[in-house]
C-alpha cells in the first residue's frame, strides 16, 4: 500500500512543480523545479518499495 501512496504523492508533486515552472516569478519557477524533483524521488521510492515489499 505504501508503494501506491508514494507514487500518487510523487505524481502530484511532479505535476504541481511543472505548473509552478510556468510562473512569471523566478522564485516560484525555482520552487517548481525543486518540487518536480521531489516528486520524481517519491515515485522512485514507491518503485523501490514495490520491488522490495512495503515492509521497508
C-alpha atoms as a PDB file:
ATOM      1  CA  UNK A   1       0.000   0.000   0.000  1.00  0.00           C
ATOM      2  CA  UNK A   2       2.859   2.397   0.754  1.00  0.00           C
ATOM      3  CA  UNK A   3       4.106   1.908  -2.777  1.00  0.00           C
ATOM      4  CA  UNK A   4       0.878   3.240  -4.270  1.00  0.00           C
ATOM      5  CA  UNK A   5       0.713   6.200  -1.876  1.00  0.00           C
ATOM      6  CA  UNK A   6       4.300   7.201  -2.666  1.00  0.00           C
ATOM      7  CA  UNK A   7       3.643   7.009  -6.394  1.00  0.00           C
ATOM      8  CA  UNK A   8       0.471   9.126  -6.094  1.00  0.00           C
ATOM      9  CA  UNK A   9       2.201  11.747  -3.948  1.00  0.00           C
ATOM     10  CA  UNK A  10       5.112  11.751  -6.381  1.00  0.00           C
ATOM     11  CA  UNK A  11       2.843  12.317  -9.355  1.00  0.00           C
ATOM     12  CA  UNK A  12       1.048  15.145  -7.538  1.00  0.00           C
ATOM     13  CA  UNK A  13       4.306  16.879  -6.600  1.00  0.00           C
ATOM     14  CA  UNK A  14       5.707  16.460 -10.080  1.00  0.00           C
ATOM     15  CA  UNK A  15       2.588  17.956 -11.666  1.00  0.00           C
ATOM     16  CA  UNK A  16       2.460  20.865  -9.201  1.00  0.00           C
ATOM     17  CA  UNK A  17       6.137  21.530  -9.836  1.00  0.00           C
ATOM     18  CA  UNK A  18       5.638  21.606 -13.596  1.00  0.00           C
ATOM     19  CA  UNK A  19       2.767  24.069 -13.201  1.00  0.00           C
ATOM     20  CA  UNK A  20       4.847  26.350 -10.960  1.00  0.00           C
ATOM     21  CA  UNK A  21       7.642  26.388 -13.545  1.00  0.00           C
ATOM     22  CA  UNK A  22       5.354  28.325 -15.894  1.00  0.00           C
ATOM     23  CA  UNK A  23       5.074  31.202 -13.417  1.00  0.00           C
ATOM     24  CA  UNK A  24       6.454  34.640 -14.186  1.00  0.00           C
ATOM     25  CA  UNK A  25       8.200  34.762 -10.814  1.00  0.00           C
ATOM     26  CA  UNK A  26      11.748  33.318 -10.840  1.00  0.00           C
ATOM     27  CA  UNK A  27      11.490  32.179  -7.213  1.00  0.00           C
ATOM     28  CA  UNK A  28       8.290  30.265  -7.968  1.00  0.00           C
ATOM     29  CA  UNK A  29       9.917  28.672 -11.023  1.00  0.00           C
ATOM     30  CA  UNK A  30      12.835  27.501  -8.876  1.00  0.00           C
ATOM     31  CA  UNK A  31      10.409  26.159  -6.284  1.00  0.00           C
ATOM     32  CA  UNK A  32       8.621  24.303  -9.069  1.00  0.00           C
ATOM     33  CA  UNK A  33      11.833  22.669 -10.253  1.00  0.00           C
ATOM     34  CA  UNK A  34      12.589  21.510  -6.722  1.00  0.00           C
ATOM     35  CA  UNK A  35       9.053  20.214  -6.247  1.00  0.00           C
ATOM     36  CA  UNK A  36       9.215  18.299  -9.531  1.00  0.00           C
ATOM     37  CA  UNK A  37      12.466  16.635  -8.419  1.00  0.00           C
ATOM     38  CA  UNK A  38      10.870  15.775  -5.075  1.00  0.00           C
ATOM     39  CA  UNK A  39       8.022  14.123  -6.931  1.00  0.00           C
ATOM     40  CA  UNK A  40      10.393  12.072  -9.044  1.00  0.00           C
ATOM     41  CA  UNK A  41      12.214  10.939  -5.897  1.00  0.00           C
ATOM     42  CA  UNK A  42       8.918   9.944  -4.263  1.00  0.00           C
ATOM     43  CA  UNK A  43       7.975   7.909  -7.318  1.00  0.00           C
ATOM     44  CA  UNK A  44      11.355   6.184  -7.236  1.00  0.00           C
ATOM     45  CA  UNK A  45      10.822   5.406  -3.553  1.00  0.00           C
ATOM     46  CA  UNK A  46       7.474   3.866  -4.418  1.00  0.00           C
ATOM     47  CA  UNK A  47       9.073   1.696  -7.078  1.00  0.00           C
ATOM     48  CA  UNK A  48      11.724   0.524  -4.616  1.00  0.00           C
ATOM     49  CA  UNK A  49       9.042  -0.312  -2.045  1.00  0.00           C
ATOM     50  CA  UNK A  50       7.193  -2.249  -4.711  1.00  0.00           C
ATOM     51  CA  UNK A  51      10.288  -4.229  -5.614  1.00  0.00           C
ATOM     52  CA  UNK A  52      11.342  -4.938  -2.029  1.00  0.00           C
ATOM     53  CA  UNK A  53       7.945  -5.059  -0.383  1.00  0.00           C
ATOM     54  CA  UNK A  54       6.117  -2.478   1.727  1.00  0.00           C
ATOM     55  CA  UNK A  55       7.850  -3.626   4.916  1.00  0.00           C
ATOM     56  CA  UNK A  56      10.903  -1.403   4.393  1.00  0.00           C
END
